[in-house]
Amino acid sequence: MSKVIFSVQYEIEEGKKEEYLRTIRELKSLLKADGLENYSVYEVKGKPNNFGELYTFSNNEAFENFDDNNDERVNILITKIADMAVDHSTKYTTLTELS
């Protein structure tokens, strides 16, 4: 079974970094799902307020079922992060491991 990496890149609005970091910390502590092996957040070097989230899933089925596993608080935090993003800055990528 091939692993799946789902990434989200975005820029957050100026002045929202501390709120963003608090939100990410809480999200990271709550984010658990069958087949979710890792969740990490990175800041883009040399680009303040630009971040990337990486979700690593054990297989495609775990990735496809991910949205079904989230609780209400996780959904609220994900929406909060999306609301902090600069309009049209969000990019999504899904990578499937080659066998």
PDB file of N, CA and C in Angstrom:
ATOM      1  N   MET A   1       0.834  -1.192   0.000  1.00  0.00           N
ATOM      2  CA  MET A   1       0.000   0.000   0.000  1.00  0.00           C
ATOM      3  C   MET A   1       0.874   1.250   0.000  1.00  0.00           C
ATOM      4  N   SER A   2       0.513   2.176  -0.843  1.00  0.00           N
ATOM      5  CA  SER A   2       1.285   3.403  -0.987  1.00  0.00           C
ATOM      6  C   SER A   2       0.846   4.471   0.005  1.00  0.00           C
ATOM      7  N   LYS A   3       1.819   5.170   0.566  1.00  0.00           N
ATOM      8  CA  LYS A   3       1.526   6.286   1.458  1.00  0.00           C
ATOM      9  C   LYS A   3       1.008   7.466   0.644  1.00  0.00           C
ATOM     10  N   VAL A   4       0.285   8.349   1.322  1.00  0.00           N
ATOM     11  CA  VAL A   4      -0.225   9.563   0.692  1.00  0.00           C
ATOM     12  C   VAL A   4       0.212  10.743   1.549  1.00  0.00           C
ATOM     13  N   ILE A   5       0.757  11.772   0.894  1.00  0.00           N
ATOM     14  CA  ILE A   5       1.088  13.025   1.569  1.00  0.00           C
ATOM     15  C   ILE A   5       0.167  14.089   1.003  1.00  0.00           C
ATOM     16  N   PHE A   6      -0.538  14.740   1.897  1.00  0.00           N
ATOM     17  CA  PHE A   6      -1.424  15.842   1.528  1.00  0.00           C
ATOM     18  C   PHE A   6      -0.814  17.114   2.090  1.00  0.00           C
ATOM     19  N   SER A   7      -0.610  18.106   1.236  1.00  0.00           N
ATOM     20  CA  SER A   7      -0.010  19.355   1.720  1.00  0.00           C
ATOM     21  C   SER A   7      -0.909  20.539   1.402  1.00  0.00           C
ATOM     22  N   VAL A   8      -0.849  21.508   2.309  1.00  0.00           N
ATOM     23  CA  VAL A   8      -1.593  22.754   2.163  1.00  0.00           C
ATOM     24  C   VAL A   8      -0.600  23.880   2.403  1.00  0.00           C
ATOM     25  N   GLN A   9      -0.493  24.806   1.451  1.00  0.00           N
ATOM     26  CA  GLN A   9       0.383  25.963   1.617  1.00  0.00           C
ATOM     27  C   GLN A   9      -0.465  27.213   1.531  1.00  0.00           C
ATOM     28  N   TYR A  10      -0.135  28.202   2.369  1.00  0.00           N
ATOM     29  CA  TYR A  10      -0.893  29.441   2.370  1.00  0.00           C
ATOM     30  C   TYR A  10      -0.098  30.536   3.061  1.00  0.00           C
ATOM     31  N   GLU A  11      -0.555  31.760   2.859  1.00  0.00           N
ATOM     32  CA  GLU A  11      -0.022  32.927   3.560  1.00  0.00           C
ATOM     33  C   GLU A  11      -1.110  33.408   4.507  1.00  0.00           C
ATOM     34  N   ILE A  12      -0.748  33.710   5.736  1.00  0.00           N
ATOM     35  CA  ILE A  12      -1.738  34.244   6.663  1.00  0.00           C
ATOM     36  C   ILE A  12      -1.659  35.766   6.667  1.00  0.00           C
ATOM     37  N   GLU A  13      -2.748  36.381   7.071  1.00  0.00           N
ATOM     38  CA  GLU A  13      -2.829  37.835   7.096  1.00  0.00           C
ATOM     39  C   GLU A  13      -1.825  38.424   8.090  1.00  0.00           C
ATOM     40  N   GLU A  14      -1.319  39.575   7.742  1.00  0.00           N
ATOM     41  CA  GLU A  14      -0.384  40.311   8.606  1.00  0.00           C
ATOM     42  C   GLU A  14      -1.023  40.524   9.973  1.00  0.00           C
ATOM     43  N   GLY A  15      -0.244  40.306  11.029  1.00  0.00           N
ATOM     44  CA  GLY A  15      -0.723  40.527  12.374  1.00  0.00           C
ATOM     45  C   GLY A  15      -1.470  39.349  12.990  1.00  0.00           C
ATOM     46  N   LYS A  16      -1.590  38.244  12.267  1.00  0.00           N
ATOM     47  CA  LYS A  16      -2.338  37.078  12.762  1.00  0.00           C
ATOM     48  C   LYS A  16      -1.427  35.922  13.178  1.00  0.00           C
ATOM     49  N   LYS A  17      -0.114  36.128  13.165  1.00  0.00           N
ATOM     50  CA  LYS A  17       0.808  35.013  13.390  1.00  0.00           C
ATOM     51  C   LYS A  17       0.643  34.375  14.771  1.00  0.00           C
ATOM     52  N   GLU A  18       0.543  35.171  15.826  1.00  0.00           N
ATOM     53  CA  GLU A  18       0.422  34.594  17.174  1.00  0.00           C
ATOM     54  C   GLU A  18      -0.873  33.800  17.317  1.00  0.00           C
ATOM     55  N   GLU A  19      -1.963  34.334  16.810  1.00  0.00           N
ATOM     56  CA  GLU A  19      -3.242  33.614  16.838  1.00  0.00           C
ATOM     57  C   GLU A  19      -3.142  32.322  16.019  1.00  0.00           C
ATOM     58  N   TYR A  20      -2.488  32.413  14.871  1.00  0.00           N
ATOM     59  CA  TYR A  20      -2.278  31.239  14.017  1.00  0.00           C
ATOM     60  C   TYR A  20      -1.485  30.160  14.763  1.00  0.00           C
ATOM     61  N   LEU A  21      -0.398  30.548  15.408  1.00  0.00           N
ATOM     62  CA  LEU A  21       0.433  29.582  16.124  1.00  0.00           C
ATOM     63  C   LEU A  21      -0.330  28.919  17.268  1.00  0.00           C
ATOM     64  N   ARG A  22      -1.131  29.672  17.983  1.00  0.00           N
ATOM     65  CA  ARG A  22      -1.965  29.090  19.043  1.00  0.00           C
ATOM     66  C   ARG A  22      -2.960  28.082  18.462  1.00  0.00           C
ATOM     67  N   THR A  23      -3.554  28.431  17.342  1.00  0.00           N
ATOM     68  CA  THR A  23      -4.535  27.561  16.695  1.00  0.00           C
ATOM     69  C   THR A  23      -3.878  26.277  16.206  1.00  0.00           C
ATOM     70  N   ILE A  24      -2.702  26.397  15.601  1.00  0.00           N
ATOM     71  CA  ILE A  24      -1.976  25.221  15.101  1.00  0.00           C
ATOM     72  C   ILE A  24      -1.589  24.304  16.264  1.00  0.00           C
ATOM     73  N   ARG A  25      -1.123  24.867  17.359  1.00  0.00           N
ATOM     74  CA  ARG A  25      -0.755  24.044  18.533  1.00  0.00           C
ATOM     75  C   ARG A  25      -1.955  23.229  19.025  1.00  0.00           C
ATOM     76  N   GLU A  26      -3.099  23.876  19.119  1.00  0.00           N
ATOM     77  CA  GLU A  26      -4.293  23.155  19.568  1.00  0.00           C
ATOM     78  C   GLU A  26      -4.696  22.096  18.551  1.00  0.00           C
ATOM     79  N   LEU A  27      -4.675  22.449  17.277  1.00  0.00           N
ATOM     80  CA  LEU A  27      -5.034  21.488  16.234  1.00  0.00           C
ATOM     81  C   LEU A  27      -4.129  20.270  16.285  1.00  0.00           C
ATOM     82  N   LYS A  28      -2.844  20.517  16.417  1.00  0.00           N
ATOM     83  CA  LYS A  28      -1.883  19.410  16.449  1.00  0.00           C
ATOM     84  C   LYS A  28      -2.163  18.469  17.624  1.00  0.00           C
ATOM     85  N   SER A  29      -2.588  19.013  18.753  1.00  0.00           N
ATOM     86  CA  SER A  29      -2.859  18.176  19.922  1.00  0.00           C
ATOM     87  C   SER A  29      -4.143  17.352  19.759  1.00  0.00           C
ATOM     88  N   LEU A  30      -5.035  17.789  18.896  1.00  0.00           N
ATOM     89  CA  LEU A  30      -6.322  17.109  18.718  1.00  0.00           C
ATOM     90  C   LEU A  30      -6.382  16.193  17.503  1.00  0.00           C
ATOM     91  N   LEU A  31      -5.505  16.432  16.543  1.00  0.00           N
ATOM     92  CA  LEU A  31      -5.603  15.755  15.256  1.00  0.00           C
ATOM     93  C   LEU A  31      -5.107  14.321  15.346  1.00  0.00           C
ATOM     94  N   LYS A  32      -6.066  13.411  15.353  1.00  0.00           N
ATOM     95  CA  LYS A  32      -5.753  11.988  15.376  1.00  0.00           C
ATOM     96  C   LYS A  32      -6.761  11.288  14.479  1.00  0.00           C
ATOM     97  N   ALA A  33      -6.300  10.355  13.683  1.00  0.00           N
ATOM     98  CA  ALA A  33      -7.188   9.587  12.823  1.00  0.00           C
ATOM     99  C   ALA A  33      -6.498   8.286  12.465  1.00  0.00           C
ATOM    100  N   ASP A  34      -7.285   7.254  12.227  1.00  0.00           N
ATOM    101  CA  ASP A  34      -6.713   5.992  11.781  1.00  0.00           C
ATOM    102  C   ASP A  34      -5.969   6.226  10.474  1.00  0.00           C
ATOM    103  N   GLY A  35      -4.736   5.812  10.448  1.00  0.00           N
ATOM    104  CA  GLY A  35      -3.942   5.929   9.231  1.00  0.00           C
ATOM    105  C   GLY A  35      -3.219   7.244   9.064  1.00  0.00           C
ATOM    106  N   LEU A  36      -3.459   8.226   9.944  1.00  0.00           N
ATOM    107  CA  LEU A  36      -2.707   9.479   9.892  1.00  0.00           C
ATOM    108  C   LEU A  36      -1.421   9.259  10.672  1.00  0.00           C
ATOM    109  N   GLU A  37      -0.324   9.132   9.945  1.00  0.00           N
ATOM    110  CA  GLU A  37       0.963   8.828  10.575  1.00  0.00           C
ATOM    111  C   GLU A  37       1.649  10.058  11.140  1.00  0.00           C
ATOM    112  N   ASN A  38       1.448  11.202  10.486  1.00  0.00           N
ATOM    113  CA  ASN A  38       2.147  12.403  10.927  1.00  0.00           C
ATOM    114  C   ASN A  38       1.411  13.640  10.434  1.00  0.00           C
ATOM    115  N   TYR A  39       1.464  14.685  11.246  1.00  0.00           N
ATOM    116  CA  TYR A  39       0.958  16.005  10.880  1.00  0.00           C
ATOM    117  C   TYR A  39       2.002  17.002  11.331  1.00  0.00           C
ATOM    118  N   SER A  40       2.517  17.795  10.392  1.00  0.00           N
ATOM    119  CA  SER A  40       3.555  18.778  10.698  1.00  0.00           C
ATOM    120  C   SER A  40       3.228  20.095  10.018  1.00  0.00           C
ATOM    121  N   VAL A  41       3.700  21.184  10.628  1.00  0.00           N
ATOM    122  CA  VAL A  41       3.515  22.513  10.061  1.00  0.00           C
ATOM    123  C   VAL A  41       4.875  23.175   9.967  1.00  0.00           C
ATOM    124  N   TYR A  42       5.137  23.830   8.844  1.00  0.00           N
ATOM    125  CA  TYR A  42       6.423  24.475   8.588  1.00  0.00           C
ATOM    126  C   TYR A  42       6.191  25.909   8.144  1.00  0.00           C
ATOM    127  N   GLU A  43       7.130  26.780   8.520  1.00  0.00           N
ATOM    128  CA  GLU A  43       7.130  28.141   7.991  1.00  0.00           C
ATOM    129  C   GLU A  43       8.114  28.191   6.832  1.00  0.00           C
ATOM    130  N   VAL A  44       7.728  28.849   5.753  1.00  0.00           N
ATOM    131  CA  VAL A  44       8.571  28.939   4.570  1.00  0.00           C
ATOM    132  C   VAL A  44       9.728  29.893   4.856  1.00  0.00           C
ATOM    133  N   LYS A  45      10.940  29.397   4.681  1.00  0.00           N
ATOM    134  CA  LYS A  45      12.138  30.197   4.949  1.00  0.00           C
ATOM    135  C   LYS A  45      12.163  31.427   4.047  1.00  0.00           C
ATOM    136  N   GLY A  46      12.382  32.573   4.676  1.00  0.00           N
ATOM    137  CA  GLY A  46      12.502  33.823   3.920  1.00  0.00           C
ATOM    138  C   GLY A  46      11.167  34.436   3.524  1.00  0.00           C
ATOM    139  N   LYS A  47      10.064  33.811   3.890  1.00  0.00           N
ATOM    140  CA  LYS A  47       8.739  34.351   3.559  1.00  0.00           C
ATOM    141  C   LYS A  47       7.881  34.392   4.823  1.00  0.00           C
ATOM    142  N   PRO A  48       7.985  35.467   5.572  1.00  0.00           N
ATOM    143  CA  PRO A  48       7.192  35.569   6.802  1.00  0.00           C
ATOM    144  C   PRO A  48       5.706  35.390   6.506  1.00  0.00           C
ATOM    145  N   ASN A  49       5.040  34.715   7.414  1.00  0.00           N
ATOM    146  CA  ASN A  49       3.601  34.476   7.322  1.00  0.00           C
ATOM    147  C   ASN A  49       3.187  33.488   6.229  1.00  0.00           C
ATOM    148  N   ASN A  50       4.141  32.740   5.678  1.00  0.00           N
ATOM    149  CA  ASN A  50       3.841  31.690   4.711  1.00  0.00           C
ATOM    150  C   ASN A  50       4.125  30.349   5.375  1.00  0.00           C
ATOM    151  N   PHE A  51       3.131  29.467   5.333  1.00  0.00           N
ATOM    152  CA  PHE A  51       3.213  28.200   6.047  1.00  0.00           C
ATOM    153  C   PHE A  51       2.789  27.044   5.162  1.00  0.00           C
ATOM    154  N   GLY A  52       3.225  25.866   5.562  1.00  0.00           N
ATOM    155  CA  GLY A  52       2.819  24.642   4.890  1.00  0.00           C
ATOM    156  C   GLY A  52       2.486  23.582   5.913  1.00  0.00           C
ATOM    157  N   GLU A  53       1.366  22.902   5.693  1.00  0.00           N
ATOM    158  CA  GLU A  53       0.968  21.782   6.544  1.00  0.00           C
ATOM    159  C   GLU A  53       1.175  20.500   5.749  1.00  0.00           C
ATOM    160  N   LEU A  54       1.745  19.491   6.383  1.00  0.00           N
ATOM    161  CA  LEU A  54       1.941  18.185   5.745  1.00  0.00           C
ATOM    162  C   LEU A  54       1.245  17.108   6.561  1.00  0.00           C
ATOM    163  N   TYR A  55       0.368  16.385   5.904  1.00  0.00           N
ATOM    164  CA  TYR A  55      -0.335  15.247   6.493  1.00  0.00           C
ATOM    165  C   TYR A  55       0.200  13.996   5.807  1.00  0.00           C
ATOM    166  N   THR A  56       0.681  13.031   6.568  1.00  0.00           N
ATOM    167  CA  THR A  56       1.165  11.779   5.994  1.00  0.00           C
ATOM    168  C   THR A  56       0.211  10.664   6.407  1.00  0.00           C
ATOM    169  N   PHE A  57      -0.358  10.008   5.406  1.00  0.00           N
ATOM    170  CA  PHE A  57      -1.304   8.914   5.635  1.00  0.00           C
ATOM    171  C   PHE A  57      -0.668   7.590   5.236  1.00  0.00           C
ATOM    172  N   SER A  58      -1.048   6.526   5.946  1.00  0.00           N
ATOM    173  CA  SER A  58      -0.473   5.206   5.686  1.00  0.00           C
ATOM    174  C   SER A  58      -0.905   4.635   4.348  1.00  0.00           C
ATOM    175  N   ASN A  59      -2.070   5.068   3.837  1.00  0.00           N
ATOM    176  CA  ASN A  59      -2.550   4.575   2.542  1.00  0.00           C
ATOM    177  C   ASN A  59      -3.659   5.499   2.024  1.00  0.00           C
ATOM    178  N   ASN A  60      -4.100   5.237   0.805  1.00  0.00           N
ATOM    179  CA  ASN A  60      -5.108   6.083   0.167  1.00  0.00           C
ATOM    180  C   ASN A  60      -6.457   6.002   0.887  1.00  0.00           C
ATOM    181  N   GLU A  61      -6.797   4.843   1.394  1.00  0.00           N
ATOM    182  CA  GLU A  61      -8.063   4.683   2.108  1.00  0.00           C
ATOM    183  C   GLU A  61      -8.106   5.587   3.345  1.00  0.00           C
ATOM    184  N   ALA A  62      -7.011   5.638   4.091  1.00  0.00           N
ATOM    185  CA  ALA A  62      -6.936   6.508   5.269  1.00  0.00           C
ATOM    186  C   ALA A  62      -7.090   7.972   4.859  1.00  0.00           C
ATOM    187  N   PHE A  63      -6.468   8.350   3.758  1.00  0.00           N
ATOM    188  CA  PHE A  63      -6.577   9.716   3.242  1.00  0.00           C
ATOM    189  C   PHE A  63      -8.019  10.025   2.856  1.00  0.00           C
ATOM    190  N   GLU A  64      -8.641   9.135   2.123  1.00  0.00           N
ATOM    191  CA  GLU A  64     -10.017   9.343   1.658  1.00  0.00           C
ATOM    192  C   GLU A  64     -11.000   9.423   2.824  1.00  0.00           C
ATOM    193  N   ASN A  65     -10.743   8.686   3.907  1.00  0.00           N
ATOM    194  CA  ASN A  65     -11.644   8.659   5.052  1.00  0.00           C
ATOM    195  C   ASN A  65     -11.361   9.756   6.076  1.00  0.00           C
ATOM    196  N   PHE A  66     -10.307  10.536   5.873  1.00  0.00           N
ATOM    197  CA  PHE A  66      -9.863  11.512   6.861  1.00  0.00           C
ATOM    198  C   PHE A  66     -10.950  12.506   7.258  1.00  0.00           C
ATOM    199  N   ASP A  67     -11.652  13.074   6.298  1.00  0.00           N
ATOM    200  CA  ASP A  67     -12.681  14.071   6.605  1.00  0.00           C
ATOM    201  C   ASP A  67     -13.795  13.506   7.473  1.00  0.00           C
ATOM    202  N   ASP A  68     -14.050  12.208   7.355  1.00  0.00           N
ATOM    203  CA  ASP A  68     -15.107  11.570   8.145  1.00  0.00           C
ATOM    204  C   ASP A  68     -14.720  11.406   9.607  1.00  0.00           C
ATOM    205  N   ASN A  69     -13.403  11.443   9.909  1.00  0.00           N
ATOM    206  CA  ASN A  69     -12.917  11.166  11.259  1.00  0.00           C
ATOM    207  C   ASN A  69     -12.803  12.389  12.156  1.00  0.00           C
ATOM    208  N   ASN A  70     -12.900  13.579  11.590  1.00  0.00           N
ATOM    209  CA  ASN A  70     -12.666  14.793  12.383  1.00  0.00           C
ATOM    210  C   ASN A  70     -13.826  15.096  13.309  1.00  0.00           C
ATOM    211  N   ASP A  71     -13.485  15.563  14.506  1.00  0.00           N
ATOM    212  CA  ASP A  71     -14.532  15.991  15.425  1.00  0.00           C
ATOM    213  C   ASP A  71     -14.839  17.468  15.191  1.00  0.00           C
ATOM    214  N   GLU A  72     -15.853  17.964  15.873  1.00  0.00           N
ATOM    215  CA  GLU A  72     -16.317  19.326  15.650  1.00  0.00           C
ATOM    216  C   GLU A  72     -15.248  20.367  15.957  1.00  0.00           C
ATOM    217  N   ARG A  73     -14.480  20.190  17.038  1.00  0.00           N
ATOM    218  CA  ARG A  73     -13.446  21.166  17.400  1.00  0.00           C
ATOM    219  C   ARG A  73     -12.359  21.233  16.330  1.00  0.00           C
ATOM    220  N   VAL A  74     -11.965  20.082  15.786  1.00  0.00           N
ATOM    221  CA  VAL A  74     -10.966  20.060  14.712  1.00  0.00           C
ATOM    222  C   VAL A  74     -11.484  20.845  13.509  1.00  0.00           C
ATOM    223  N   ASN A  75     -12.740  20.634  13.148  1.00  0.00           N
ATOM    224  CA  ASN A  75     -13.318  21.364  12.010  1.00  0.00           C
ATOM    225  C   ASN A  75     -13.351  22.865  12.265  1.00  0.00           C
ATOM    226  N   ILE A  76     -13.650  23.269  13.491  1.00  0.00           N
ATOM    227  CA  ILE A  76     -13.661  24.690  13.841  1.00  0.00           C
ATOM    228  C   ILE A  76     -12.257  25.287  13.678  1.00  0.00           C
ATOM    229  N   LEU A  77     -11.237  24.571  14.148  1.00  0.00           N
ATOM    230  CA  LEU A  77      -9.860  25.073  14.052  1.00  0.00           C
ATOM    231  C   LEU A  77      -9.396  25.157  12.602  1.00  0.00           C
ATOM    232  N   ILE A  78      -9.738  24.166  11.789  1.00  0.00           N
ATOM    233  CA  ILE A  78      -9.365  24.193  10.364  1.00  0.00           C
ATOM    234  C   ILE A  78     -10.031  25.379   9.673  1.00  0.00           C
ATOM    235  N   THR A  79     -11.282  25.639   9.989  1.00  0.00           N
ATOM    236  CA  THR A  79     -11.989  26.793   9.423  1.00  0.00           C
ATOM    237  C   THR A  79     -11.349  28.098   9.880  1.00  0.00           C
ATOM    238  N   LYS A  80     -10.958  28.168  11.154  1.00  0.00           N
ATOM    239  CA  LYS A  80     -10.298  29.365  11.692  1.00  0.00           C
ATOM    240  C   LYS A  80      -8.995  29.654  10.942  1.00  0.00           C
ATOM    241  N   ILE A  81      -8.218  28.611  10.677  1.00  0.00           N
ATOM    242  CA  ILE A  81      -6.970  28.784   9.925  1.00  0.00           C
ATOM    243  C   ILE A  81      -7.266  29.271   8.512  1.00  0.00           C
ATOM    244  N   ALA A  82      -8.265  28.678   7.882  1.00  0.00           N
ATOM    245  CA  ALA A  82      -8.638  29.097   6.522  1.00  0.00           C
ATOM    246  C   ALA A  82      -9.063  30.564   6.501  1.00  0.00           C
ATOM    247  N   ASP A  83      -9.744  31.008   7.543  1.00  0.00           N
ATOM    248  CA  ASP A  83     -10.183  32.397   7.614  1.00  0.00           C
ATOM    249  C   ASP A  83      -9.022  33.369   7.817  1.00  0.00           C
ATOM    250  N   MET A  84      -7.899  32.887   8.369  1.00  0.00           N
ATOM    251  CA  MET A  84      -6.715  33.744   8.554  1.00  0.00           C
ATOM    252  C   MET A  84      -5.879  33.844   7.271  1.00  0.00           C
ATOM    253  N   ALA A  85      -6.127  32.970   6.330  1.00  0.00           N
ATOM    254  CA  ALA A  85      -5.320  32.943   5.098  1.00  0.00           C
ATOM    255  C   ALA A  85      -5.667  34.116   4.188  1.00  0.00           C
ATOM    256  N   VAL A  86      -4.644  34.622   3.548  1.00  0.00           N
ATOM    257  CA  VAL A  86      -4.824  35.668   2.541  1.00  0.00           C
ATOM    258  C   VAL A  86      -5.623  35.069   1.384  1.00  0.00           C
ATOM    259  N   ASP A  87      -6.592  35.825   0.884  1.00  0.00           N
ATOM    260  CA  ASP A  87      -7.422  35.330  -0.226  1.00  0.00           C
ATOM    261  C   ASP A  87      -6.563  34.842  -1.390  1.00  0.00           C
ATOM    262  N   HIS A  88      -6.935  33.718  -1.929  1.00  0.00           N
ATOM    263  CA  HIS A  88      -6.308  33.106  -3.107  1.00  0.00           C
ATOM    264  C   HIS A  88      -4.858  32.684  -2.897  1.00  0.00           C
ATOM    265  N   SER A  89      -4.431  32.535  -1.629  1.00  0.00           N
ATOM    266  CA  SER A  89      -3.046  32.118  -1.393  1.00  0.00           C
ATOM    267  C   SER A  89      -2.936  30.614  -1.114  1.00  0.00           C
ATOM    268  N   THR A  90      -4.048  29.933  -0.906  1.00  0.00           N
ATOM    269  CA  THR A  90      -4.019  28.527  -0.509  1.00  0.00           C
ATOM    270  C   THR A  90      -3.859  27.608  -1.712  1.00  0.00           C
ATOM    271  N   LYS A  91      -2.902  26.678  -1.569  1.00  0.00           N
ATOM    272  CA  LYS A  91      -2.640  25.681  -2.617  1.00  0.00           C
ATOM    273  C   LYS A  91      -2.616  24.308  -1.964  1.00  0.00           C
ATOM    274  N   TYR A  92      -3.257  23.349  -2.624  1.00  0.00           N
ATOM    275  CA  TYR A  92      -3.337  21.980  -2.116  1.00  0.00           C
ATOM    276  C   TYR A  92      -2.581  21.048  -3.068  1.00  0.00           C
ATOM    277  N   THR A  93      -1.881  20.069  -2.497  1.00  0.00           N
ATOM    278  CA  THR A  93      -1.181  19.059  -3.296  1.00  0.00           C
ATOM    279  C   THR A  93      -1.369  17.710  -2.627  1.00  0.00           C
ATOM    280  N   THR A  94      -1.662  16.711  -3.433  1.00  0.00           N
ATOM    281  CA  THR A  94      -1.763  15.332  -2.941  1.00  0.00           C
ATOM    282  C   THR A  94      -0.726  14.500  -3.672  1.00  0.00           C
ATOM    283  N   LEU A  95       0.157  13.868  -2.913  1.00  0.00           N
ATOM    284  CA  LEU A  95       1.220  13.025  -3.462  1.00  0.00           C
ATOM    285  C   LEU A  95       0.967  11.583  -3.067  1.00  0.00           C
ATOM    286  N   THR A  96       1.083  10.673  -4.027  1.00  0.00           N
ATOM    287  CA  THR A  96       0.942   9.247  -3.753  1.00  0.00           C
ATOM    288  C   THR A  96       2.290   8.578  -3.980  1.00  0.00           C
ATOM    289  N   GLU A  97       2.746   7.839  -2.987  1.00  0.00           N
ATOM    290  CA  GLU A  97       4.040   7.157  -3.053  1.00  0.00           C
ATOM    291  C   GLU A  97       4.043   6.129  -4.177  1.00  0.00           C
ATOM    292  N   LEU A  98       5.121   6.095  -4.919  1.00  0.00           N
ATOM    293  CA  LEU A  98       5.277   5.094  -5.963  1.00  0.00           C
ATOM    294  C   LEU A  98       5.755   3.789  -5.360  1.00  0.00           C
ATOM    295  N   SER A  99       5.219   2.726  -5.848  1.00  0.00           N
ATOM    296  CA  SER A  99       5.594   1.406  -5.332  1.00  0.00           C
ATOM    297  C   SER A  99       6.941   0.975  -5.866  1.00  0.00           C
TER     298      SER A  99
END
